[in-house]
């Protein structure tokens, strides 16, 4: 069985929210020819998409071809719109969540869903998370790596995930047993990366590491020990800069350990004297495109904290979900089962019959 934790979906029909809300910056869909659309922001084409983004039947056909049993659906991160007015972002989130819940209800054995929540207003976000879990049956939420205060986020105008205002969201997620999947968006330093697709190649890994460090150093995982949180793209740059991060914790605690005195490595997998591995405190997906990178993730997190993720249906994803895991001969059959399905099942709180 394969459960793909990291896939993206949009509704086929999406209103012109610029016109509806009275200001610009929202995504609209231009269905310029059959089975194809452009995601537009104003007059700019953000991304070309095809019907596998919105058509459940097409998704299921492609899943069957690659052996994927279940996809975990989440929106395309540009839809977060954390810069928008909170009531508008709530309306946008509810539209996305109602659509996703309908897709899951129609195909309950093939899809599970992660909600979108308006993090610019944490109280509204917590309420929408509760509605999405209790009323819609979604498994949790996908959130971004930071929260904008406005459309052009600069420095102090951004809130990282350690911001105390978000405690109400973490508390709600822990109480609900809701999974939180953190996906990079609105990449750091994007103004300096106009060429070579660098926001996706450099900015996204940095964004994810920033989010992990913020939550660790900010003590979020200490305050909310029941919180289940996962990070996209194998944790981004974090696993490969852990040595530098831990070094800074030891040599400059006056700068690094101001809010949490626990060594960041303590949140990762540990082996006791009997050879038993205690898995990491948080999860990552497997989307690293490199066997040596996946080996490092296995060492740092343990198989119980790494879930298959493909970024379906976008080009930077894994075209055949699970191919990297299946190609590694040193992984036991049990490890492969863990990576391909059981970690996602545990993270999402799915029972064995789901």
C-alpha atoms as a PDB file:
ATOM      1  CA  UNK A   1       0.000   0.000   0.000  1.00  0.00           C
ATOM      2  CA  UNK A   2       1.132   3.558  -0.733  1.00  0.00           C
ATOM      3  CA  UNK A   3      -0.228   6.637   1.032  1.00  0.00           C
ATOM      4  CA  UNK A   4       1.084   9.800  -0.603  1.00  0.00           C
ATOM      5  CA  UNK A   5       1.198  12.514   2.062  1.00  0.00           C
ATOM      6  CA  UNK A   6       2.094  15.387  -0.263  1.00  0.00           C
ATOM      7  CA  UNK A   7      -0.288  16.109  -3.142  1.00  0.00           C
ATOM      8  CA  UNK A   8      -2.093  19.276  -4.250  1.00  0.00           C
ATOM      9  CA  UNK A   9      -5.636  19.908  -5.469  1.00  0.00           C
ATOM     10  CA  UNK A  10      -7.799  22.833  -6.596  1.00  0.00           C
ATOM     11  CA  UNK A  11     -11.479  23.092  -7.474  1.00  0.00           C
ATOM     12  CA  UNK A  12     -12.305  23.198 -11.174  1.00  0.00           C
ATOM     13  CA  UNK A  13     -14.482  26.271 -10.691  1.00  0.00           C
ATOM     14  CA  UNK A  14     -13.022  29.181  -8.778  1.00  0.00           C
ATOM     15  CA  UNK A  15     -14.483  32.702  -8.524  1.00  0.00           C
ATOM     16  CA  UNK A  16     -12.746  35.986  -9.348  1.00  0.00           C
ATOM     17  CA  UNK A  17     -11.904  36.897  -5.773  1.00  0.00           C
ATOM     18  CA  UNK A  18     -10.252  40.188  -6.780  1.00  0.00           C
ATOM     19  CA  UNK A  19     -13.682  41.348  -7.939  1.00  0.00           C
ATOM     20  CA  UNK A  20     -15.526  39.760  -5.037  1.00  0.00           C
ATOM     21  CA  UNK A  21     -13.306  41.119  -2.251  1.00  0.00           C
ATOM     22  CA  UNK A  22     -12.495  44.421  -3.928  1.00  0.00           C
ATOM     23  CA  UNK A  23      -8.688  44.246  -4.014  1.00  0.00           C
ATOM     24  CA  UNK A  24      -6.072  42.361  -6.006  1.00  0.00           C
ATOM     25  CA  UNK A  25      -3.598  39.553  -5.461  1.00  0.00           C
ATOM     26  CA  UNK A  26      -5.807  36.456  -5.421  1.00  0.00           C
ATOM     27  CA  UNK A  27      -5.451  33.507  -7.760  1.00  0.00           C
ATOM     28  CA  UNK A  28      -8.041  33.021 -10.474  1.00  0.00           C
ATOM     29  CA  UNK A  29      -8.303  30.133 -12.944  1.00  0.00           C
ATOM     30  CA  UNK A  30      -8.319  30.725 -16.673  1.00  0.00           C
ATOM     31  CA  UNK A  31      -9.608  27.568 -18.395  1.00  0.00           C
ATOM     32  CA  UNK A  32      -8.221  28.607 -21.757  1.00  0.00           C
ATOM     33  CA  UNK A  33      -8.651  25.200 -23.406  1.00  0.00           C
ATOM     34  CA  UNK A  34     -10.099  21.777 -22.478  1.00  0.00           C
ATOM     35  CA  UNK A  35      -8.239  20.008 -19.658  1.00  0.00           C
ATOM     36  CA  UNK A  36      -5.855  22.962 -19.203  1.00  0.00           C
ATOM     37  CA  UNK A  37      -5.897  26.127 -17.113  1.00  0.00           C
ATOM     38  CA  UNK A  38      -3.669  28.969 -16.084  1.00  0.00           C
ATOM     39  CA  UNK A  39      -3.402  30.043 -12.462  1.00  0.00           C
ATOM     40  CA  UNK A  40      -3.445  33.825 -12.829  1.00  0.00           C
ATOM     41  CA  UNK A  41      -2.518  36.539 -10.336  1.00  0.00           C
ATOM     42  CA  UNK A  42      -3.631  39.741 -11.986  1.00  0.00           C
ATOM     43  CA  UNK A  43      -2.218  39.615 -15.513  1.00  0.00           C
ATOM     44  CA  UNK A  44       0.649  37.301 -14.499  1.00  0.00           C
ATOM     45  CA  UNK A  45       0.626  33.574 -15.155  1.00  0.00           C
ATOM     46  CA  UNK A  46       1.641  31.878 -11.916  1.00  0.00           C
ATOM     47  CA  UNK A  47       1.444  28.311 -13.199  1.00  0.00           C
ATOM     48  CA  UNK A  48      -0.007  26.202 -16.009  1.00  0.00           C
ATOM     49  CA  UNK A  49      -2.026  23.261 -14.730  1.00  0.00           C
ATOM     50  CA  UNK A  50      -3.941  20.367 -16.260  1.00  0.00           C
ATOM     51  CA  UNK A  51      -7.035  18.463 -15.244  1.00  0.00           C
ATOM     52  CA  UNK A  52      -5.179  16.151 -12.860  1.00  0.00           C
ATOM     53  CA  UNK A  53      -5.139  19.112 -10.450  1.00  0.00           C
ATOM     54  CA  UNK A  54      -8.945  19.216 -10.184  1.00  0.00           C
ATOM     55  CA  UNK A  55     -10.391  15.996 -11.621  1.00  0.00           C
ATOM     56  CA  UNK A  56     -10.635  13.166  -9.038  1.00  0.00           C
ATOM     57  CA  UNK A  57     -11.234  10.569 -11.743  1.00  0.00           C
ATOM     58  CA  UNK A  58      -8.032  11.553 -13.527  1.00  0.00           C
ATOM     59  CA  UNK A  59      -6.105  11.492 -10.243  1.00  0.00           C
ATOM     60  CA  UNK A  60      -7.367   8.007  -9.425  1.00  0.00           C
ATOM     61  CA  UNK A  61      -6.377   6.762 -12.889  1.00  0.00           C
ATOM     62  CA  UNK A  62      -2.841   8.078 -12.410  1.00  0.00           C
ATOM     63  CA  UNK A  63      -2.673   6.680  -8.881  1.00  0.00           C
ATOM     64  CA  UNK A  64      -3.678   3.257 -10.194  1.00  0.00           C
ATOM     65  CA  UNK A  65      -0.891   3.401 -12.789  1.00  0.00           C
ATOM     66  CA  UNK A  66       1.739   4.114 -10.106  1.00  0.00           C
ATOM     67  CA  UNK A  67       0.318   1.936  -7.345  1.00  0.00           C
ATOM     68  CA  UNK A  68      -0.762   4.763  -5.023  1.00  0.00           C
ATOM     69  CA  UNK A  69      -3.583   3.591  -2.775  1.00  0.00           C
ATOM     70  CA  UNK A  70      -4.461   6.932  -1.200  1.00  0.00           C
ATOM     71  CA  UNK A  71      -3.543  10.573  -1.780  1.00  0.00           C
ATOM     72  CA  UNK A  72      -3.555  13.132   1.016  1.00  0.00           C
ATOM     73  CA  UNK A  73      -4.951  16.288  -0.565  1.00  0.00           C
ATOM     74  CA  UNK A  74      -3.890  19.844   0.253  1.00  0.00           C
ATOM     75  CA  UNK A  75      -4.237  23.107  -1.605  1.00  0.00           C
ATOM     76  CA  UNK A  76      -1.564  24.740  -3.750  1.00  0.00           C
ATOM     77  CA  UNK A  77       0.349  26.915  -1.237  1.00  0.00           C
ATOM     78  CA  UNK A  78      -0.082  30.132  -3.240  1.00  0.00           C
ATOM     79  CA  UNK A  79      -3.738  29.890  -2.196  1.00  0.00           C
ATOM     80  CA  UNK A  80      -2.885  30.499   1.496  1.00  0.00           C
ATOM     81  CA  UNK A  81      -3.301  34.278   1.008  1.00  0.00           C
ATOM     82  CA  UNK A  82      -2.095  35.100   4.516  1.00  0.00           C
ATOM     83  CA  UNK A  83      -1.686  38.718   3.385  1.00  0.00           C
ATOM     84  CA  UNK A  84      -5.438  39.097   2.791  1.00  0.00           C
ATOM     85  CA  UNK A  85      -8.047  40.532   5.151  1.00  0.00           C
ATOM     86  CA  UNK A  86      -8.812  37.822   7.732  1.00  0.00           C
ATOM     87  CA  UNK A  87     -12.524  37.517   6.922  1.00  0.00           C
ATOM     88  CA  UNK A  88     -11.730  37.144   3.227  1.00  0.00           C
ATOM     89  CA  UNK A  89      -9.039  34.553   3.933  1.00  0.00           C
ATOM     90  CA  UNK A  90     -11.535  32.642   6.069  1.00  0.00           C
ATOM     91  CA  UNK A  91     -14.086  32.695   3.250  1.00  0.00           C
ATOM     92  CA  UNK A  92     -11.416  31.504   0.793  1.00  0.00           C
ATOM     93  CA  UNK A  93     -10.344  28.720   3.187  1.00  0.00           C
ATOM     94  CA  UNK A  94     -13.908  27.543   3.699  1.00  0.00           C
ATOM     95  CA  UNK A  95     -14.453  27.327  -0.060  1.00  0.00           C
ATOM     96  CA  UNK A  96     -11.319  25.197  -0.461  1.00  0.00           C
ATOM     97  CA  UNK A  97     -12.127  23.013   2.532  1.00  0.00           C
ATOM     98  CA  UNK A  98     -15.746  22.394   1.537  1.00  0.00           C
ATOM     99  CA  UNK A  99     -14.610  21.346  -1.930  1.00  0.00           C
ATOM    100  CA  UNK A 100     -11.913  19.044  -0.539  1.00  0.00           C
ATOM    101  CA  UNK A 101     -14.337  17.440   1.891  1.00  0.00           C
ATOM    102  CA  UNK A 102     -16.708  16.718  -0.998  1.00  0.00           C
ATOM    103  CA  UNK A 103     -13.923  14.998  -2.954  1.00  0.00           C
ATOM    104  CA  UNK A 104     -12.996  12.908   0.101  1.00  0.00           C
ATOM    105  CA  UNK A 105     -16.633  11.978   0.765  1.00  0.00           C
ATOM    106  CA  UNK A 106     -17.050  10.848  -2.830  1.00  0.00           C
ATOM    107  CA  UNK A 107     -13.872   8.710  -2.720  1.00  0.00           C
ATOM    108  CA  UNK A 108     -13.218   7.911   0.965  1.00  0.00           C
ATOM    109  CA  UNK A 109     -10.803   5.040   0.324  1.00  0.00           C
ATOM    110  CA  UNK A 110      -8.685   6.994  -2.172  1.00  0.00           C
ATOM    111  CA  UNK A 111      -8.347  10.433  -0.607  1.00  0.00           C
ATOM    112  CA  UNK A 112      -7.814  12.079   2.760  1.00  0.00           C
ATOM    113  CA  UNK A 113      -7.681  15.837   3.196  1.00  0.00           C
ATOM    114  CA  UNK A 114      -5.726  18.595   4.936  1.00  0.00           C
ATOM    115  CA  UNK A 115      -7.527  21.894   5.393  1.00  0.00           C
ATOM    116  CA  UNK A 116      -6.429  25.442   4.640  1.00  0.00           C
ATOM    117  CA  UNK A 117      -6.726  27.886   7.580  1.00  0.00           C
ATOM    118  CA  UNK A 118      -6.340  31.699   7.741  1.00  0.00           C
ATOM    119  CA  UNK A 119      -3.231  31.970   9.905  1.00  0.00           C
ATOM    120  CA  UNK A 120      -3.205  35.794   9.761  1.00  0.00           C
ATOM    121  CA  UNK A 121      -5.984  35.540  12.376  1.00  0.00           C
ATOM    122  CA  UNK A 122      -5.071  32.621  14.656  1.00  0.00           C
ATOM    123  CA  UNK A 123      -8.468  32.581  16.401  1.00  0.00           C
ATOM    124  CA  UNK A 124     -10.263  32.254  13.056  1.00  0.00           C
ATOM    125  CA  UNK A 125      -7.681  29.671  11.978  1.00  0.00           C
ATOM    126  CA  UNK A 126      -8.292  27.560  15.089  1.00  0.00           C
ATOM    127  CA  UNK A 127     -12.054  27.714  14.540  1.00  0.00           C
ATOM    128  CA  UNK A 128     -11.744  26.701  10.878  1.00  0.00           C
ATOM    129  CA  UNK A 129      -9.405  23.862  11.844  1.00  0.00           C
ATOM    130  CA  UNK A 130     -12.009  22.605  14.310  1.00  0.00           C
ATOM    131  CA  UNK A 131     -14.786  22.856  11.718  1.00  0.00           C
ATOM    132  CA  UNK A 132     -12.663  21.078   9.133  1.00  0.00           C
ATOM    133  CA  UNK A 133     -11.839  18.195  11.454  1.00  0.00           C
ATOM    134  CA  UNK A 134     -15.096  17.802  13.378  1.00  0.00           C
ATOM    135  CA  UNK A 135     -17.640  18.647  10.668  1.00  0.00           C
ATOM    136  CA  UNK A 136     -15.851  17.974   7.371  1.00  0.00           C
ATOM    137  CA  UNK A 137     -13.791  14.965   8.424  1.00  0.00           C
ATOM    138  CA  UNK A 138     -10.432  16.351   7.249  1.00  0.00           C
ATOM    139  CA  UNK A 139      -7.324  15.028   8.991  1.00  0.00           C
ATOM    140  CA  UNK A 140      -5.684  18.344   9.894  1.00  0.00           C
ATOM    141  CA  UNK A 141      -4.275  21.296   7.980  1.00  0.00           C
ATOM    142  CA  UNK A 142      -1.541  22.310   5.610  1.00  0.00           C
ATOM    143  CA  UNK A 143       0.060  25.616   6.607  1.00  0.00           C
ATOM    144  CA  UNK A 144       2.861  27.819   5.307  1.00  0.00           C
ATOM    145  CA  UNK A 145       6.304  28.323   6.767  1.00  0.00           C
ATOM    146  CA  UNK A 146       5.525  31.865   7.941  1.00  0.00           C
ATOM    147  CA  UNK A 147       2.618  34.301   8.127  1.00  0.00           C
ATOM    148  CA  UNK A 148       2.520  37.549   6.165  1.00  0.00           C
ATOM    149  CA  UNK A 149       1.193  40.764   7.611  1.00  0.00           C
ATOM    150  CA  UNK A 150       0.716  42.169   4.119  1.00  0.00           C
ATOM    151  CA  UNK A 151       1.190  41.245   0.471  1.00  0.00           C
ATOM    152  CA  UNK A 152       4.819  42.402   0.447  1.00  0.00           C
ATOM    153  CA  UNK A 153       6.245  40.842   3.571  1.00  0.00           C
ATOM    154  CA  UNK A 154       9.444  42.471   4.793  1.00  0.00           C
ATOM    155  CA  UNK A 155      11.376  41.536   7.920  1.00  0.00           C
ATOM    156  CA  UNK A 156       9.386  42.376  11.046  1.00  0.00           C
ATOM    157  CA  UNK A 157       6.120  42.296   9.094  1.00  0.00           C
ATOM    158  CA  UNK A 158       6.374  38.479   8.962  1.00  0.00           C
ATOM    159  CA  UNK A 159       5.576  36.098  11.796  1.00  0.00           C
ATOM    160  CA  UNK A 160       7.526  32.863  11.992  1.00  0.00           C
ATOM    161  CA  UNK A 161       5.992  29.727  13.460  1.00  0.00           C
ATOM    162  CA  UNK A 162       7.354  30.426  16.951  1.00  0.00           C
ATOM    163  CA  UNK A 163       5.180  33.543  17.256  1.00  0.00           C
ATOM    164  CA  UNK A 164       3.123  33.366  20.441  1.00  0.00           C
ATOM    165  CA  UNK A 165      -0.029  34.423  18.580  1.00  0.00           C
ATOM    166  CA  UNK A 166      -0.077  30.969  16.947  1.00  0.00           C
ATOM    167  CA  UNK A 167      -0.324  29.113  20.263  1.00  0.00           C
ATOM    168  CA  UNK A 168      -4.094  28.966  19.911  1.00  0.00           C
ATOM    169  CA  UNK A 169      -3.657  27.072  16.626  1.00  0.00           C
ATOM    170  CA  UNK A 170      -1.169  24.596  18.088  1.00  0.00           C
ATOM    171  CA  UNK A 171      -3.430  24.083  21.092  1.00  0.00           C
ATOM    172  CA  UNK A 172      -6.438  23.392  18.881  1.00  0.00           C
ATOM    173  CA  UNK A 173      -4.467  20.978  16.698  1.00  0.00           C
ATOM    174  CA  UNK A 174      -3.191  19.064  19.719  1.00  0.00           C
ATOM    175  CA  UNK A 175      -6.655  18.860  21.277  1.00  0.00           C
ATOM    176  CA  UNK A 176      -8.257  17.746  18.025  1.00  0.00           C
ATOM    177  CA  UNK A 177      -5.492  15.274  17.192  1.00  0.00           C
ATOM    178  CA  UNK A 178      -5.115  17.163  13.921  1.00  0.00           C
ATOM    179  CA  UNK A 179      -2.015  16.681  11.776  1.00  0.00           C
ATOM    180  CA  UNK A 180      -0.154  19.840  10.685  1.00  0.00           C
ATOM    181  CA  UNK A 181       1.761  19.668   7.389  1.00  0.00           C
ATOM    182  CA  UNK A 182       4.122  22.616   6.845  1.00  0.00           C
ATOM    183  CA  UNK A 183       4.795  23.570   3.231  1.00  0.00           C
ATOM    184  CA  UNK A 184       7.116  26.402   2.083  1.00  0.00           C
ATOM    185  CA  UNK A 185       5.587  29.399   0.346  1.00  0.00           C
ATOM    186  CA  UNK A 186       6.393  33.044  -0.433  1.00  0.00           C
ATOM    187  CA  UNK A 187      10.074  32.210  -0.344  1.00  0.00           C
ATOM    188  CA  UNK A 188      12.635  34.132   1.651  1.00  0.00           C
ATOM    189  CA  UNK A 189      14.873  36.341  -0.491  1.00  0.00           C
ATOM    190  CA  UNK A 190      12.805  35.803  -3.633  1.00  0.00           C
ATOM    191  CA  UNK A 191      13.542  39.369  -4.776  1.00  0.00           C
ATOM    192  CA  UNK A 192      17.190  38.338  -5.212  1.00  0.00           C
ATOM    193  CA  UNK A 193      16.303  35.210  -7.204  1.00  0.00           C
ATOM    194  CA  UNK A 194      14.729  36.351 -10.473  1.00  0.00           C
ATOM    195  CA  UNK A 195      16.451  33.680 -12.587  1.00  0.00           C
ATOM    196  CA  UNK A 196      16.978  29.935 -12.805  1.00  0.00           C
ATOM    197  CA  UNK A 197      13.835  29.063 -10.774  1.00  0.00           C
ATOM    198  CA  UNK A 198      15.925  29.769  -7.672  1.00  0.00           C
ATOM    199  CA  UNK A 199      13.000  30.530  -5.335  1.00  0.00           C
ATOM    200  CA  UNK A 200      11.980  26.887  -5.739  1.00  0.00           C
ATOM    201  CA  UNK A 201      15.538  25.493  -5.669  1.00  0.00           C
ATOM    202  CA  UNK A 202      17.105  27.632  -2.923  1.00  0.00           C
ATOM    203  CA  UNK A 203      14.296  29.548  -1.246  1.00  0.00           C
ATOM    204  CA  UNK A 204      12.016  26.589  -0.518  1.00  0.00           C
ATOM    205  CA  UNK A 205      14.656  24.512   1.330  1.00  0.00           C
ATOM    206  CA  UNK A 206      15.663  27.602   3.335  1.00  0.00           C
ATOM    207  CA  UNK A 207      12.026  28.375   4.185  1.00  0.00           C
ATOM    208  CA  UNK A 208      11.470  24.894   5.536  1.00  0.00           C
ATOM    209  CA  UNK A 209      14.621  24.963   7.656  1.00  0.00           C
ATOM    210  CA  UNK A 210      13.556  28.356   9.004  1.00  0.00           C
ATOM    211  CA  UNK A 211      10.201  26.901  10.035  1.00  0.00           C
ATOM    212  CA  UNK A 212      11.766  23.876  11.754  1.00  0.00           C
ATOM    213  CA  UNK A 213      14.303  25.998  13.634  1.00  0.00           C
ATOM    214  CA  UNK A 214      11.626  28.488  14.653  1.00  0.00           C
ATOM    215  CA  UNK A 215       9.430  25.776  16.139  1.00  0.00           C
ATOM    216  CA  UNK A 216      12.346  24.049  17.900  1.00  0.00           C
ATOM    217  CA  UNK A 217      14.125  27.101  19.262  1.00  0.00           C
ATOM    218  CA  UNK A 218      10.806  28.757  20.097  1.00  0.00           C
ATOM    219  CA  UNK A 219       9.811  25.820  22.305  1.00  0.00           C
ATOM    220  CA  UNK A 220       6.620  25.021  20.376  1.00  0.00           C
ATOM    221  CA  UNK A 221       7.219  21.277  20.562  1.00  0.00           C
ATOM    222  CA  UNK A 222       7.825  21.559  24.324  1.00  0.00           C
ATOM    223  CA  UNK A 223       4.640  23.531  24.983  1.00  0.00           C
ATOM    224  CA  UNK A 224       2.530  21.203  22.842  1.00  0.00           C
ATOM    225  CA  UNK A 225       3.952  17.680  23.249  1.00  0.00           C
ATOM    226  CA  UNK A 226       0.923  16.081  21.555  1.00  0.00           C
ATOM    227  CA  UNK A 227       1.258  18.211  18.417  1.00  0.00           C
ATOM    228  CA  UNK A 228       1.918  16.167  15.269  1.00  0.00           C
ATOM    229  CA  UNK A 229       3.775  18.237  12.680  1.00  0.00           C
ATOM    230  CA  UNK A 230       5.455  17.281   9.401  1.00  0.00           C
ATOM    231  CA  UNK A 231       7.603  19.282   7.019  1.00  0.00           C
ATOM    232  CA  UNK A 232       7.634  19.006   3.240  1.00  0.00           C
ATOM    233  CA  UNK A 233      10.573  18.199   0.942  1.00  0.00           C
ATOM    234  CA  UNK A 234      12.443  16.107   3.480  1.00  0.00           C
ATOM    235  CA  UNK A 235      12.744  19.027   5.864  1.00  0.00           C
ATOM    236  CA  UNK A 236      14.379  21.231   3.246  1.00  0.00           C
ATOM    237  CA  UNK A 237      17.874  22.411   4.164  1.00  0.00           C
ATOM    238  CA  UNK A 238      17.536  21.461   7.835  1.00  0.00           C
ATOM    239  CA  UNK A 239      18.941  17.892   7.774  1.00  0.00           C
ATOM    240  CA  UNK A 240      22.035  18.994   5.885  1.00  0.00           C
ATOM    241  CA  UNK A 241      22.805  21.953   8.136  1.00  0.00           C
ATOM    242  CA  UNK A 242      22.007  20.260  11.449  1.00  0.00           C
ATOM    243  CA  UNK A 243      25.684  20.192  12.438  1.00  0.00           C
ATOM    244  CA  UNK A 244      25.949  23.953  12.011  1.00  0.00           C
ATOM    245  CA  UNK A 245      22.665  24.495  13.865  1.00  0.00           C
ATOM    246  CA  UNK A 246      23.760  22.347  16.807  1.00  0.00           C
ATOM    247  CA  UNK A 247      27.179  24.010  16.867  1.00  0.00           C
ATOM    248  CA  UNK A 248      25.535  27.414  17.145  1.00  0.00           C
ATOM    249  CA  UNK A 249      23.356  26.126  19.994  1.00  0.00           C
ATOM    250  CA  UNK A 250      26.511  25.197  21.955  1.00  0.00           C
ATOM    251  CA  UNK A 251      28.779  28.143  21.169  1.00  0.00           C
ATOM    252  CA  UNK A 252      26.253  30.995  21.128  1.00  0.00           C
ATOM    253  CA  UNK A 253      23.466  30.019  23.501  1.00  0.00           C
ATOM    254  CA  UNK A 254      23.026  33.716  24.229  1.00  0.00           C
ATOM    255  CA  UNK A 255      21.694  34.070  20.683  1.00  0.00           C
ATOM    256  CA  UNK A 256      20.288  30.639  19.894  1.00  0.00           C
ATOM    257  CA  UNK A 257      18.979  29.150  23.151  1.00  0.00           C
ATOM    258  CA  UNK A 258      17.128  32.195  24.422  1.00  0.00           C
ATOM    259  CA  UNK A 259      13.659  30.586  24.480  1.00  0.00           C
ATOM    260  CA  UNK A 260      14.441  26.859  24.656  1.00  0.00           C
ATOM    261  CA  UNK A 261      17.449  25.249  26.327  1.00  0.00           C
ATOM    262  CA  UNK A 262      17.060  21.849  24.647  1.00  0.00           C
ATOM    263  CA  UNK A 263      19.664  20.761  22.116  1.00  0.00           C
ATOM    264  CA  UNK A 264      18.042  20.655  18.646  1.00  0.00           C
ATOM    265  CA  UNK A 265      19.527  17.210  18.041  1.00  0.00           C
ATOM    266  CA  UNK A 266      17.407  15.943  20.927  1.00  0.00           C
ATOM    267  CA  UNK A 267      14.355  16.268  18.682  1.00  0.00           C
ATOM    268  CA  UNK A 268      15.790  13.725  16.231  1.00  0.00           C
ATOM    269  CA  UNK A 269      16.043   9.938  16.334  1.00  0.00           C
ATOM    270  CA  UNK A 270      18.045   8.396  19.152  1.00  0.00           C
ATOM    271  CA  UNK A 271      19.395   4.871  19.684  1.00  0.00           C
ATOM    272  CA  UNK A 272      19.507   3.398  23.172  1.00  0.00           C
ATOM    273  CA  UNK A 273      22.106   0.990  24.473  1.00  0.00           C
ATOM    274  CA  UNK A 274      20.114  -1.994  23.218  1.00  0.00           C
ATOM    275  CA  UNK A 275      19.980  -0.776  19.636  1.00  0.00           C
ATOM    276  CA  UNK A 276      16.362   0.361  19.784  1.00  0.00           C
ATOM    277  CA  UNK A 277      15.628   3.536  17.826  1.00  0.00           C
ATOM    278  CA  UNK A 278      13.373   6.199  19.297  1.00  0.00           C
ATOM    279  CA  UNK A 279      12.080   8.175  16.301  1.00  0.00           C
ATOM    280  CA  UNK A 280      12.281  11.931  15.901  1.00  0.00           C
ATOM    281  CA  UNK A 281       9.795  14.301  17.514  1.00  0.00           C
ATOM    282  CA  UNK A 282       8.498  15.559  14.155  1.00  0.00           C
ATOM    283  CA  UNK A 283       7.941  14.160  10.686  1.00  0.00           C
ATOM    284  CA  UNK A 284       9.225  14.844   7.166  1.00  0.00           C
ATOM    285  CA  UNK A 285       8.199  13.556   3.776  1.00  0.00           C
ATOM    286  CA  UNK A 286      10.478  11.515   1.523  1.00  0.00           C
ATOM    287  CA  UNK A 287      10.712  13.990  -1.355  1.00  0.00           C
ATOM    288  CA  UNK A 288      14.476  14.427  -1.703  1.00  0.00           C
ATOM    289  CA  UNK A 289      15.204  12.848  -5.136  1.00  0.00           C
ATOM    290  CA  UNK A 290      18.501  11.354  -3.960  1.00  0.00           C
ATOM    291  CA  UNK A 291      19.238   8.033  -2.226  1.00  0.00           C
ATOM    292  CA  UNK A 292      22.026   9.468  -0.080  1.00  0.00           C
ATOM    293  CA  UNK A 293      19.738  12.247   1.081  1.00  0.00           C
ATOM    294  CA  UNK A 294      17.085   9.695   2.024  1.00  0.00           C
ATOM    295  CA  UNK A 295      19.707   7.656   3.890  1.00  0.00           C
ATOM    296  CA  UNK A 296      20.540  10.754   5.928  1.00  0.00           C
ATOM    297  CA  UNK A 297      16.858  11.299   6.695  1.00  0.00           C
ATOM    298  CA  UNK A 298      16.569   7.697   7.866  1.00  0.00           C
ATOM    299  CA  UNK A 299      19.525   8.190  10.199  1.00  0.00           C
ATOM    300  CA  UNK A 300      18.243  11.489  11.586  1.00  0.00           C
ATOM    301  CA  UNK A 301      14.519  10.771  11.819  1.00  0.00           C
ATOM    302  CA  UNK A 302      13.979   7.011  11.675  1.00  0.00           C
ATOM    303  CA  UNK A 303      11.598   5.323   9.260  1.00  0.00           C
ATOM    304  CA  UNK A 304       8.688   5.970  11.641  1.00  0.00           C
ATOM    305  CA  UNK A 305       8.943   9.691  10.945  1.00  0.00           C
ATOM    306  CA  UNK A 306       9.398   9.678   7.147  1.00  0.00           C
ATOM    307  CA  UNK A 307       6.297   9.469   4.951  1.00  0.00           C
ATOM    308  CA  UNK A 308       6.031   9.018   1.221  1.00  0.00           C
ATOM    309  CA  UNK A 309       5.466  12.394  -0.432  1.00  0.00           C
ATOM    310  CA  UNK A 310       5.458  13.088  -4.169  1.00  0.00           C
ATOM    311  CA  UNK A 311       4.258  16.712  -4.656  1.00  0.00           C
ATOM    312  CA  UNK A 312       1.770  15.355  -7.226  1.00  0.00           C
ATOM    313  CA  UNK A 313       1.059  16.598  -9.856  1.00  0.00           C
ATOM    314  CA  UNK A 314       3.823  19.190 -10.204  1.00  0.00           C
ATOM    315  CA  UNK A 315       7.120  18.804 -12.124  1.00  0.00           C
ATOM    316  CA  UNK A 316       9.484  19.079  -9.139  1.00  0.00           C
ATOM    317  CA  UNK A 317       7.752  16.103  -7.589  1.00  0.00           C
ATOM    318  CA  UNK A 318       8.449  12.405  -7.867  1.00  0.00           C
ATOM    319  CA  UNK A 319       6.885  11.260 -11.140  1.00  0.00           C
ATOM    320  CA  UNK A 320       6.400   7.701  -9.886  1.00  0.00           C
ATOM    321  CA  UNK A 321       5.573   8.073  -6.164  1.00  0.00           C
ATOM    322  CA  UNK A 322       7.674   5.802  -3.997  1.00  0.00           C
ATOM    323  CA  UNK A 323      10.180   4.940  -6.728  1.00  0.00           C
ATOM    324  CA  UNK A 324      13.171   6.161  -4.702  1.00  0.00           C
ATOM    325  CA  UNK A 325      12.128   4.168  -1.632  1.00  0.00           C
ATOM    326  CA  UNK A 326      11.458   1.049  -3.679  1.00  0.00           C
ATOM    327  CA  UNK A 327      14.816   1.343  -5.466  1.00  0.00           C
ATOM    328  CA  UNK A 328      16.973   1.139  -2.317  1.00  0.00           C
ATOM    329  CA  UNK A 329      18.043  -2.475  -1.760  1.00  0.00           C
ATOM    330  CA  UNK A 330      19.310  -1.889   1.788  1.00  0.00           C
ATOM    331  CA  UNK A 331      15.797  -1.110   3.018  1.00  0.00           C
ATOM    332  CA  UNK A 332      13.996  -4.084   4.497  1.00  0.00           C
ATOM    333  CA  UNK A 333      10.486  -4.983   3.440  1.00  0.00           C
ATOM    334  CA  UNK A 334       9.233  -3.721   6.794  1.00  0.00           C
ATOM    335  CA  UNK A 335      11.066  -0.410   6.358  1.00  0.00           C
ATOM    336  CA  UNK A 336       9.525   0.047   2.921  1.00  0.00           C
ATOM    337  CA  UNK A 337       6.050  -0.624   4.274  1.00  0.00           C
ATOM    338  CA  UNK A 338       6.703   1.908   7.021  1.00  0.00           C
ATOM    339  CA  UNK A 339       7.888   4.587   4.608  1.00  0.00           C
ATOM    340  CA  UNK A 340       5.292   3.965   1.913  1.00  0.00           C
ATOM    341  CA  UNK A 341       2.207   3.872   4.118  1.00  0.00           C
ATOM    342  CA  UNK A 342       2.485   3.371   7.867  1.00  0.00           C
ATOM    343  CA  UNK A 343       4.184   6.651   8.781  1.00  0.00           C
ATOM    344  CA  UNK A 344       1.516   8.622   6.933  1.00  0.00           C
ATOM    345  CA  UNK A 345      -1.184   6.503   8.576  1.00  0.00           C
ATOM    346  CA  UNK A 346       0.172   7.309  12.036  1.00  0.00           C
ATOM    347  CA  UNK A 347       0.712  11.002  11.249  1.00  0.00           C
ATOM    348  CA  UNK A 348      -2.847  11.382   9.961  1.00  0.00           C
ATOM    349  CA  UNK A 349      -4.422   9.309  12.716  1.00  0.00           C
ATOM    350  CA  UNK A 350      -5.849   6.818  10.231  1.00  0.00           C
ATOM    351  CA  UNK A 351      -6.991   3.462  11.553  1.00  0.00           C
ATOM    352  CA  UNK A 352      -5.886   0.190   9.990  1.00  0.00           C
ATOM    353  CA  UNK A 353      -9.220  -0.051   8.200  1.00  0.00           C
ATOM    354  CA  UNK A 354      -8.892   3.366   6.541  1.00  0.00           C
END
